[in-house]
Each structure stands twice: as structure tokens, then as C-alpha cells.
PDB file of N, CA and C in Angstrom:
ATOM      1  N   UNK A   1     -80.363 113.955-113.276  1.00  0.00           N
ATOM      2  CA  UNK A   1     -79.358 113.671-113.426  1.00  0.00           C
ATOM      3  C   UNK A   1     -78.373 112.841-114.181  1.00  0.00           C
ATOM      4  N   UNK A   2     -76.986 113.429-114.734  1.00  0.00           N
ATOM      5  CA  UNK A   2     -75.898 112.482-114.821  1.00  0.00           C
ATOM      6  C   UNK A   2     -75.327 111.307-114.781  1.00  0.00           C
ATOM      7  N   UNK A   3     -75.783 110.476-115.865  1.00  0.00           N
ATOM      8  CA  UNK A   3     -74.376 109.532-115.328  1.00  0.00           C
ATOM      9  C   UNK A   3     -72.549 109.523-115.380  1.00  0.00           C
ATOM     10  N   UNK A   4     -72.147 109.311-114.432  1.00  0.00           N
ATOM     11  CA  UNK A   4     -71.076 109.305-114.410  1.00  0.00           C
ATOM     12  C   UNK A   4     -70.481 108.250-115.426  1.00  0.00           C
ATOM     13  N   UNK A   5     -69.672 108.064-116.550  1.00  0.00           N
ATOM     14  CA  UNK A   5     -68.786 107.544-116.673  1.00  0.00           C
ATOM     15  C   UNK A   5     -68.865 106.610-116.382  1.00  0.00           C
ATOM     16  N   UNK A   6     -68.054 107.076-115.464  1.00  0.00           N
ATOM     17  CA  UNK A   6     -66.767 106.208-115.340  1.00  0.00           C
ATOM     18  C   UNK A   6     -67.514 105.212-114.456  1.00  0.00           C
ATOM     19  N   UNK A   7     -68.280 105.269-113.906  1.00  0.00           N
ATOM     20  CA  UNK A   7     -70.149 104.274-113.062  1.00  0.00           C
ATOM     21  C   UNK A   7     -69.747 102.999-114.357  1.00  0.00           C
ATOM     22  N   UNK A   8     -70.448 103.927-115.386  1.00  0.00           N
ATOM     23  CA  UNK A   8     -70.554 102.652-116.237  1.00  0.00           C
ATOM     24  C   UNK A   8     -69.271 102.126-116.998  1.00  0.00           C
ATOM     25  N   UNK A   9     -68.706 102.344-116.902  1.00  0.00           N
ATOM     26  CA  UNK A   9     -66.989 101.697-117.612  1.00  0.00           C
ATOM     27  C   UNK A   9     -67.221 100.870-115.859  1.00  0.00           C
ATOM     28  N   UNK A  10     -67.032 101.219-115.022  1.00  0.00           N
ATOM     29  CA  UNK A  10     -66.790 100.649-113.586  1.00  0.00           C
ATOM     30  C   UNK A  10     -67.863  98.740-113.643  1.00  0.00           C
ATOM     31  N   UNK A  11     -68.879  99.715-114.743  1.00  0.00           N
ATOM     32  CA  UNK A  11     -70.513  98.756-114.220  1.00  0.00           C
ATOM     33  C   UNK A  11     -69.827  97.241-115.750  1.00  0.00           C
ATOM     34  N   UNK A  12     -69.308  97.829-117.100  1.00  0.00           N
ATOM     35  CA  UNK A  12     -68.529  97.100-117.224  1.00  0.00           C
ATOM     36  C   UNK A  12     -67.872  96.046-117.491  1.00  0.00           C
ATOM     37  N   UNK A  13     -67.558  96.790-117.072  1.00  0.00           N
ATOM     38  CA  UNK A  13     -66.102  96.074-116.200  1.00  0.00           C
ATOM     39  C   UNK A  13     -66.509  94.113-115.015  1.00  0.00           C
ATOM     40  N   UNK A  14     -66.709  95.086-114.358  1.00  0.00           N
ATOM     41  CA  UNK A  14     -67.626  94.189-113.853  1.00  0.00           C
ATOM     42  C   UNK A  14     -68.544  93.821-114.026  1.00  0.00           C
ATOM     43  N   UNK A  15     -69.739  93.941-115.006  1.00  0.00           N
ATOM     44  CA  UNK A  15     -69.996  92.153-115.923  1.00  0.00           C
ATOM     45  C   UNK A  15     -68.442  91.543-116.419  1.00  0.00           C
ATOM     46  N   UNK A  16     -68.021  91.946-117.213  1.00  0.00           N
ATOM     47  CA  UNK A  16     -67.062  91.552-117.495  1.00  0.00           C
ATOM     48  C   UNK A  16     -66.432  90.691-116.957  1.00  0.00           C
ATOM     49  N   UNK A  17     -65.896  91.123-116.174  1.00  0.00           N
ATOM     50  CA  UNK A  17     -65.068  90.273-114.635  1.00  0.00           C
ATOM     51  C   UNK A  17     -65.971  88.753-114.663  1.00  0.00           C
ATOM     52  N   UNK A  18     -67.157  89.083-114.387  1.00  0.00           N
ATOM     53  CA  UNK A  18     -68.062  87.931-113.382  1.00  0.00           C
ATOM     54  C   UNK A  18     -68.527  86.881-115.231  1.00  0.00           C
ATOM     55  N   UNK A  19     -67.987  87.634-116.265  1.00  0.00           N
ATOM     56  CA  UNK A  19     -68.604  86.607-117.482  1.00  0.00           C
ATOM     57  C   UNK A  19     -67.552  85.775-117.822  1.00  0.00           C
ATOM     58  N   UNK A  20     -66.313  86.265-117.586  1.00  0.00           N
ATOM     59  CA  UNK A  20     -64.752  85.887-117.873  1.00  0.00           C
ATOM     60  C   UNK A  20     -64.795  84.103-116.562  1.00  0.00           C
ATOM     61  N   UNK A  21     -65.040  84.348-114.956  1.00  0.00           N
ATOM     62  CA  UNK A  21     -65.443  83.835-114.235  1.00  0.00           C
ATOM     63  C   UNK A  21     -66.324  82.985-114.714  1.00  0.00           C
ATOM     64  N   UNK A  22     -67.615  83.452-115.044  1.00  0.00           N
ATOM     65  CA  UNK A  22     -67.986  82.421-115.192  1.00  0.00           C
ATOM     66  C   UNK A  22     -68.007  81.243-115.747  1.00  0.00           C
ATOM     67  N   UNK A  23     -67.835  82.069-117.405  1.00  0.00           N
ATOM     68  CA  UNK A  23     -66.812  81.094-118.127  1.00  0.00           C
ATOM     69  C   UNK A  23     -65.911  79.922-117.394  1.00  0.00           C
ATOM     70  N   UNK A  24     -64.846  81.155-117.308  1.00  0.00           N
ATOM     71  CA  UNK A  24     -63.235  79.364-116.905  1.00  0.00           C
ATOM     72  C   UNK A  24     -63.905  78.865-116.167  1.00  0.00           C
ATOM     73  N   UNK A  25     -64.607  79.471-114.795  1.00  0.00           N
ATOM     74  CA  UNK A  25     -64.516  78.095-113.752  1.00  0.00           C
ATOM     75  C   UNK A  25     -66.082  77.020-114.142  1.00  0.00           C
ATOM     76  N   UNK A  26     -66.743  77.106-115.531  1.00  0.00           N
ATOM     77  CA  UNK A  26     -67.531  77.459-115.187  1.00  0.00           C
ATOM     78  C   UNK A  26     -68.255  76.796-114.545  1.00  0.00           C
ATOM     79  N   UNK A  27     -69.138  78.158-114.690  1.00  0.00           N
ATOM     80  CA  UNK A  27     -70.078  77.886-113.009  1.00  0.00           C
ATOM     81  C   UNK A  27     -72.177  77.471-113.781  1.00  0.00           C
ATOM     82  N   UNK A  28     -72.777  77.105-113.020  1.00  0.00           N
ATOM     83  CA  UNK A  28     -73.846  76.598-114.044  1.00  0.00           C
ATOM     84  C   UNK A  28     -74.720  77.944-112.822  1.00  0.00           C
ATOM     85  N   UNK A  29     -76.143  78.466-114.437  1.00  0.00           N
ATOM     86  CA  UNK A  29     -77.182  78.971-113.406  1.00  0.00           C
ATOM     87  C   UNK A  29     -77.149  79.892-112.594  1.00  0.00           C
ATOM     88  N   UNK A  30     -75.785  81.112-112.892  1.00  0.00           N
ATOM     89  CA  UNK A  30     -75.532  82.229-112.973  1.00  0.00           C
ATOM     90  C   UNK A  30     -74.912  83.177-113.438  1.00  0.00           C
ATOM     91  N   UNK A  31     -75.459  83.963-114.570  1.00  0.00           N
ATOM     92  CA  UNK A  31     -75.006  85.138-114.922  1.00  0.00           C
ATOM     93  C   UNK A  31     -74.514  86.312-114.749  1.00  0.00           C
ATOM     94  N   UNK A  32     -73.693  86.689-115.183  1.00  0.00           N
ATOM     95  CA  UNK A  32     -73.193  88.106-115.206  1.00  0.00           C
ATOM     96  C   UNK A  32     -74.001  89.430-114.065  1.00  0.00           C
ATOM     97  N   UNK A  33     -74.875  89.279-114.285  1.00  0.00           N
ATOM     98  CA  UNK A  33     -75.412  90.112-114.088  1.00  0.00           C
ATOM     99  C   UNK A  33     -77.066  90.077-113.051  1.00  0.00           C
ATOM    100  N   UNK A  34     -76.771  88.103-112.278  1.00  0.00           N
ATOM    101  CA  UNK A  34     -77.043  87.660-111.397  1.00  0.00           C
ATOM    102  C   UNK A  34     -75.526  87.134-109.901  1.00  0.00           C
ATOM    103  N   UNK A  35     -74.682  86.749-111.053  1.00  0.00           N
ATOM    104  CA  UNK A  35     -72.666  87.054-109.812  1.00  0.00           C
ATOM    105  C   UNK A  35     -72.372  88.231-108.671  1.00  0.00           C
ATOM    106  N   UNK A  36     -72.621  88.147-108.282  1.00  0.00           N
ATOM    107  CA  UNK A  36     -72.744  89.093-106.586  1.00  0.00           C
ATOM    108  C   UNK A  36     -70.988  89.344-106.525  1.00  0.00           C
ATOM    109  N   UNK A  37     -70.826  90.509-106.757  1.00  0.00           N
ATOM    110  CA  UNK A  37     -68.777  91.319-107.144  1.00  0.00           C
ATOM    111  C   UNK A  37     -68.355  90.788-105.761  1.00  0.00           C
ATOM    112  N   UNK A  38     -69.707  90.819-104.604  1.00  0.00           N
ATOM    113  CA  UNK A  38     -68.835  91.117-102.984  1.00  0.00           C
ATOM    114  C   UNK A  38     -67.939  89.483-102.552  1.00  0.00           C
ATOM    115  N   UNK A  39     -68.599  88.881-103.802  1.00  0.00           N
ATOM    116  CA  UNK A  39     -68.962  87.594-103.291  1.00  0.00           C
ATOM    117  C   UNK A  39     -67.136  86.572-103.537  1.00  0.00           C
ATOM    118  N   UNK A  40     -66.553  86.192-102.121  1.00  0.00           N
ATOM    119  CA  UNK A  40     -65.670  85.870-102.516  1.00  0.00           C
ATOM    120  C   UNK A  40     -64.797  84.691-103.385  1.00  0.00           C
ATOM    121  N   UNK A  41     -63.917  84.482-104.011  1.00  0.00           N
ATOM    122  CA  UNK A  41     -63.251  84.606-104.896  1.00  0.00           C
ATOM    123  C   UNK A  41     -62.880  82.371-104.332  1.00  0.00           C
ATOM    124  N   UNK A  42     -62.411  82.573-103.806  1.00  0.00           N
ATOM    125  CA  UNK A  42     -61.543  81.981-102.888  1.00  0.00           C
ATOM    126  C   UNK A  42     -61.920  80.931-101.554  1.00  0.00           C
ATOM    127  N   UNK A  43     -62.741  81.941-100.642  1.00  0.00           N
ATOM    128  CA  UNK A  43     -63.414  80.994 -99.644  1.00  0.00           C
ATOM    129  C   UNK A  43     -64.846  80.892 -99.487  1.00  0.00           C
ATOM    130  N   UNK A  44     -66.065  81.658-101.106  1.00  0.00           N
ATOM    131  CA  UNK A  44     -66.876  81.220-101.124  1.00  0.00           C
ATOM    132  C   UNK A  44     -66.872  80.618-102.284  1.00  0.00           C
ATOM    133  N   UNK A  45     -66.566  80.582-103.623  1.00  0.00           N
ATOM    134  CA  UNK A  45     -66.918  80.035-104.326  1.00  0.00           C
ATOM    135  C   UNK A  45     -65.675  78.591-104.316  1.00  0.00           C
ATOM    136  N   UNK A  46     -63.772  78.493-103.669  1.00  0.00           N
ATOM    137  CA  UNK A  46     -63.747  77.651-103.296  1.00  0.00           C
ATOM    138  C   UNK A  46     -62.567  77.713-103.935  1.00  0.00           C
ATOM    139  N   UNK A  47     -62.681  78.918-106.083  1.00  0.00           N
ATOM    140  CA  UNK A  47     -61.390  78.632-106.561  1.00  0.00           C
ATOM    141  C   UNK A  47     -59.830  78.300-105.819  1.00  0.00           C
ATOM    142  N   UNK A  48     -58.848  77.815-107.225  1.00  0.00           N
ATOM    143  CA  UNK A  48     -57.250  77.918-106.307  1.00  0.00           C
ATOM    144  C   UNK A  48     -56.997  78.804-107.098  1.00  0.00           C
ATOM    145  N   UNK A  49     -55.194  78.356-106.672  1.00  0.00           N
ATOM    146  CA  UNK A  49     -54.307  79.778-106.971  1.00  0.00           C
ATOM    147  C   UNK A  49     -54.723  79.481-109.192  1.00  0.00           C
ATOM    148  N   UNK A  50     -54.852  78.621-109.299  1.00  0.00           N
ATOM    149  CA  UNK A  50     -54.599  77.808-110.911  1.00  0.00           C
ATOM    150  C   UNK A  50     -55.726  78.682-111.326  1.00  0.00           C
ATOM    151  N   UNK A  51     -56.807  78.750-111.176  1.00  0.00           N
ATOM    152  CA  UNK A  51     -58.164  78.966-111.075  1.00  0.00           C
ATOM    153  C   UNK A  51     -57.671  80.528-111.880  1.00  0.00           C
ATOM    154  N   UNK A  52     -58.038  81.380-110.821  1.00  0.00           N
ATOM    155  CA  UNK A  52     -56.973  82.551-110.348  1.00  0.00           C
ATOM    156  C   UNK A  52     -56.520  83.034-111.381  1.00  0.00           C
ATOM    157  N   UNK A  53     -55.486  82.506-111.949  1.00  0.00           N
ATOM    158  CA  UNK A  53     -53.989  82.389-112.865  1.00  0.00           C
ATOM    159  C   UNK A  53     -55.327  83.249-113.799  1.00  0.00           C
ATOM    160  N   UNK A  54     -55.585  82.093-114.210  1.00  0.00           N
ATOM    161  CA  UNK A  54     -56.306  81.868-115.862  1.00  0.00           C
ATOM    162  C   UNK A  54     -57.346  82.950-115.751  1.00  0.00           C
ATOM    163  N   UNK A  55     -58.370  83.086-114.847  1.00  0.00           N
ATOM    164  CA  UNK A  55     -59.273  84.154-114.813  1.00  0.00           C
ATOM    165  C   UNK A  55     -58.580  85.451-115.786  1.00  0.00           C
ATOM    166  N   UNK A  56     -56.695  85.334-114.494  1.00  0.00           N
ATOM    167  CA  UNK A  56     -56.224  86.943-114.714  1.00  0.00           C
ATOM    168  C   UNK A  56     -55.762  86.690-116.017  1.00  0.00           C
ATOM    169  N   UNK A  57     -55.047  86.070-116.583  1.00  0.00           N
ATOM    170  CA  UNK A  57     -54.844  85.639-117.408  1.00  0.00           C
ATOM    171  C   UNK A  57     -55.449  86.720-119.352  1.00  0.00           C
ATOM    172  N   UNK A  58     -56.680  85.817-119.162  1.00  0.00           N
ATOM    173  CA  UNK A  58     -57.495  86.198-119.797  1.00  0.00           C
ATOM    174  C   UNK A  58     -58.200  88.278-119.965  1.00  0.00           C
ATOM    175  N   UNK A  59     -58.221  88.138-118.811  1.00  0.00           N
ATOM    176  CA  UNK A  59     -58.632  89.644-118.525  1.00  0.00           C
ATOM    177  C   UNK A  59     -57.538  90.663-118.955  1.00  0.00           C
ATOM    178  N   UNK A  60     -55.989  89.706-118.466  1.00  0.00           N
ATOM    179  CA  UNK A  60     -54.563  90.928-119.174  1.00  0.00           C
ATOM    180  C   UNK A  60     -54.736  90.016-120.569  1.00  0.00           C
ATOM    181  N   UNK A  61     -55.724  89.927-121.260  1.00  0.00           N
ATOM    182  CA  UNK A  61     -55.799  89.974-122.674  1.00  0.00           C
ATOM    183  C   UNK A  61     -56.828  90.512-123.449  1.00  0.00           C
ATOM    184  N   UNK A  62     -57.485  90.601-122.697  1.00  0.00           N
ATOM    185  CA  UNK A  62     -59.079  90.994-122.751  1.00  0.00           C
ATOM    186  C   UNK A  62     -58.551  92.975-122.397  1.00  0.00           C
ATOM    187  N   UNK A  63     -57.786  92.998-122.078  1.00  0.00           N
ATOM    188  CA  UNK A  63     -58.332  94.940-120.890  1.00  0.00           C
ATOM    189  C   UNK A  63     -57.015  95.071-121.343  1.00  0.00           C
ATOM    190  N   UNK A  64     -55.449  94.594-122.880  1.00  0.00           N
ATOM    191  CA  UNK A  64     -54.463  94.537-122.746  1.00  0.00           C
ATOM    192  C   UNK A  64     -53.930  95.356-122.128  1.00  0.00           C
ATOM    193  N   UNK A  65     -53.298  94.595-120.127  1.00  0.00           N
ATOM    194  CA  UNK A  65     -52.775  95.485-118.818  1.00  0.00           C
ATOM    195  C   UNK A  65     -51.588  94.050-118.667  1.00  0.00           C
ATOM    196  N   UNK A  66     -51.602  94.112-117.363  1.00  0.00           N
ATOM    197  CA  UNK A  66     -51.310  93.475-116.660  1.00  0.00           C
ATOM    198  C   UNK A  66     -51.311  93.583-115.226  1.00  0.00           C
ATOM    199  N   UNK A  67     -51.378  92.366-114.597  1.00  0.00           N
ATOM    200  CA  UNK A  67     -52.127  91.807-113.032  1.00  0.00           C
ATOM    201  C   UNK A  67     -50.752  91.566-113.063  1.00  0.00           C
ATOM    202  N   UNK A  68     -50.196  92.007-111.833  1.00  0.00           N
ATOM    203  CA  UNK A  68     -48.875  90.928-111.699  1.00  0.00           C
ATOM    204  C   UNK A  68     -49.374  90.901-110.221  1.00  0.00           C
ATOM    205  N   UNK A  69     -48.012  89.489-110.973  1.00  0.00           N
ATOM    206  CA  UNK A  69     -48.592  88.319-109.258  1.00  0.00           C
ATOM    207  C   UNK A  69     -48.579  88.696-108.559  1.00  0.00           C
ATOM    208  N   UNK A  70     -48.023  89.692-107.787  1.00  0.00           N
ATOM    209  CA  UNK A  70     -48.354  89.848-106.358  1.00  0.00           C
ATOM    210  C   UNK A  70     -49.620  90.467-106.500  1.00  0.00           C
ATOM    211  N   UNK A  71     -50.490  91.151-107.037  1.00  0.00           N
ATOM    212  CA  UNK A  71     -51.448  91.807-106.218  1.00  0.00           C
ATOM    213  C   UNK A  71     -52.225  89.856-105.742  1.00  0.00           C
ATOM    214  N   UNK A  72     -52.789  89.403-106.614  1.00  0.00           N
ATOM    215  CA  UNK A  72     -52.994  88.447-106.801  1.00  0.00           C
ATOM    216  C   UNK A  72     -54.517  88.037-105.601  1.00  0.00           C
ATOM    217  N   UNK A  73     -53.392  88.009-104.847  1.00  0.00           N
ATOM    218  CA  UNK A  73     -54.162  87.687-103.442  1.00  0.00           C
ATOM    219  C   UNK A  73     -54.778  88.681-103.180  1.00  0.00           C
ATOM    220  N   UNK A  74     -54.804  89.616-102.976  1.00  0.00           N
ATOM    221  CA  UNK A  74     -56.130  91.135-103.100  1.00  0.00           C
ATOM    222  C   UNK A  74     -57.467  91.058-103.964  1.00  0.00           C
ATOM    223  N   UNK A  75     -56.717  90.189-105.240  1.00  0.00           N
ATOM    224  CA  UNK A  75     -58.206  90.427-106.203  1.00  0.00           C
ATOM    225  C   UNK A  75     -58.883  89.313-105.799  1.00  0.00           C
ATOM    226  N   UNK A  76     -59.863  89.622-103.905  1.00  0.00           N
ATOM    227  CA  UNK A  76     -60.547  88.584-103.878  1.00  0.00           C
ATOM    228  C   UNK A  76     -61.876  88.324-104.183  1.00  0.00           C
ATOM    229  N   UNK A  77     -62.769  89.185-105.072  1.00  0.00           N
ATOM    230  CA  UNK A  77     -64.143  88.949-105.151  1.00  0.00           C
ATOM    231  C   UNK A  77     -64.012  89.759-106.815  1.00  0.00           C
ATOM    232  N   UNK A  78     -65.071  90.161-107.507  1.00  0.00           N
ATOM    233  CA  UNK A  78     -65.053  90.166-108.695  1.00  0.00           C
ATOM    234  C   UNK A  78     -65.281  91.997-109.126  1.00  0.00           C
ATOM    235  N   UNK A  79     -65.727  92.179-107.433  1.00  0.00           N
ATOM    236  CA  UNK A  79     -66.070  93.922-107.298  1.00  0.00           C
ATOM    237  C   UNK A  79     -64.350  94.612-107.156  1.00  0.00           C
ATOM    238  N   UNK A  80     -63.292  94.362-107.183  1.00  0.00           N
ATOM    239  CA  UNK A  80     -62.314  93.972-106.216  1.00  0.00           C
ATOM    240  C   UNK A  80     -60.949  94.008-108.074  1.00  0.00           C
ATOM    241  N   UNK A  81     -61.748  92.954-108.399  1.00  0.00           N
ATOM    242  CA  UNK A  81     -60.886  92.937-110.227  1.00  0.00           C
ATOM    243  C   UNK A  81     -61.580  93.667-110.724  1.00  0.00           C
ATOM    244  N   UNK A  82     -61.993  94.436-110.995  1.00  0.00           N
ATOM    245  CA  UNK A  82     -62.937  95.183-111.465  1.00  0.00           C
ATOM    246  C   UNK A  82     -62.188  97.393-110.949  1.00  0.00           C
ATOM    247  N   UNK A  83     -61.733  96.352-110.218  1.00  0.00           N
ATOM    248  CA  UNK A  83     -61.680  98.055-109.823  1.00  0.00           C
ATOM    249  C   UNK A  83     -59.513  97.909-110.091  1.00  0.00           C
ATOM    250  N   UNK A  84     -59.136  96.847-110.070  1.00  0.00           N
ATOM    251  CA  UNK A  84     -57.723  97.248-110.265  1.00  0.00           C
ATOM    252  C   UNK A  84     -58.405  97.594-111.640  1.00  0.00           C
ATOM    253  N   UNK A  85     -58.258  96.788-113.013  1.00  0.00           N
ATOM    254  CA  UNK A  85     -58.452  96.482-113.666  1.00  0.00           C
ATOM    255  C   UNK A  85     -59.085  98.485-114.541  1.00  0.00           C
ATOM    256  N   UNK A  86     -59.642  98.558-113.913  1.00  0.00           N
ATOM    257  CA  UNK A  86     -59.617 100.618-113.868  1.00  0.00           C
ATOM    258  C   UNK A  86     -58.704 100.917-113.739  1.00  0.00           C
ATOM    259  N   UNK A  87     -58.298 100.851-112.614  1.00  0.00           N
ATOM    260  CA  UNK A  87     -57.002 101.994-112.054  1.00  0.00           C
ATOM    261  C   UNK A  87     -56.257 100.839-112.790  1.00  0.00           C
ATOM    262  N   UNK A  88     -55.541 100.369-113.860  1.00  0.00           N
ATOM    263  CA  UNK A  88     -54.330 100.227-115.125  1.00  0.00           C
ATOM    264  C   UNK A  88     -54.934 100.567-115.834  1.00  0.00           C
ATOM    265  N   UNK A  89     -55.886 100.042-116.742  1.00  0.00           N
ATOM    266  CA  UNK A  89     -55.870 101.314-117.144  1.00  0.00           C
ATOM    267  C   UNK A  89     -56.768 102.468-117.722  1.00  0.00           C
ATOM    268  N   UNK A  90     -56.711 103.281-116.367  1.00  0.00           N
ATOM    269  CA  UNK A  90     -55.867 105.574-116.179  1.00  0.00           C
ATOM    270  C   UNK A  90     -54.816 105.202-116.378  1.00  0.00           C
ATOM    271  N   UNK A  91     -54.267 104.519-116.180  1.00  0.00           N
ATOM    272  CA  UNK A  91     -52.805 104.732-115.632  1.00  0.00           C
ATOM    273  C   UNK A  91     -51.558 103.970-116.428  1.00  0.00           C
ATOM    274  N   UNK A  92     -52.660 104.414-117.581  1.00  0.00           N
ATOM    275  CA  UNK A  92     -52.324 103.064-119.107  1.00  0.00           C
ATOM    276  C   UNK A  92     -51.605 104.916-120.058  1.00  0.00           C
TER     277      UNK A  92
END
């Protein structure tokens, strides 16, 4: 069975987003591999808009993309952020 390169890329992006969130929010006892990509960052993890902005800025630098501030409210979990980054990279 052939591996879809997009799945590999999305998985890598998902892990990188989790790594950034863990690092920026100084989360303990969690790794990118164990971070639930469906976990709601705001409602379940309690991050605020400043935390989300910090994460977005780091990811913008990491991937050389622009994350529109108007899109921040839609970036509720790691999976959605990774998919957003993937779309931005494809649109470049």
C-alpha cells in the first residue's frame, strides 16, 4: 500500500503544531505524539487569545505563511491548525 505524501506532510505538520503549542504554553507531561489533535485549545486547555496569537506567530515564522487574524477563532485544535497551514502551503 502506497503512503499518500500529503498524509505524511499533514502528520508532520500536526506534530510540529503540537510541539509549538507544548513549548509555548509550557505544558508538562505531554508530547507531540500523545497530544490529542482534537483537543479544544480554548475550551478544554484554557488558552487565551494572547497564547493563540503567540502560537500563530511562531507557526508563521516556521512555515513562512500568513495566518489571518480573522481566522484565529476557527483554529480551535491542533488538527484544524495543521490543516490551515497545509492549505496555506499549497496556495503559495
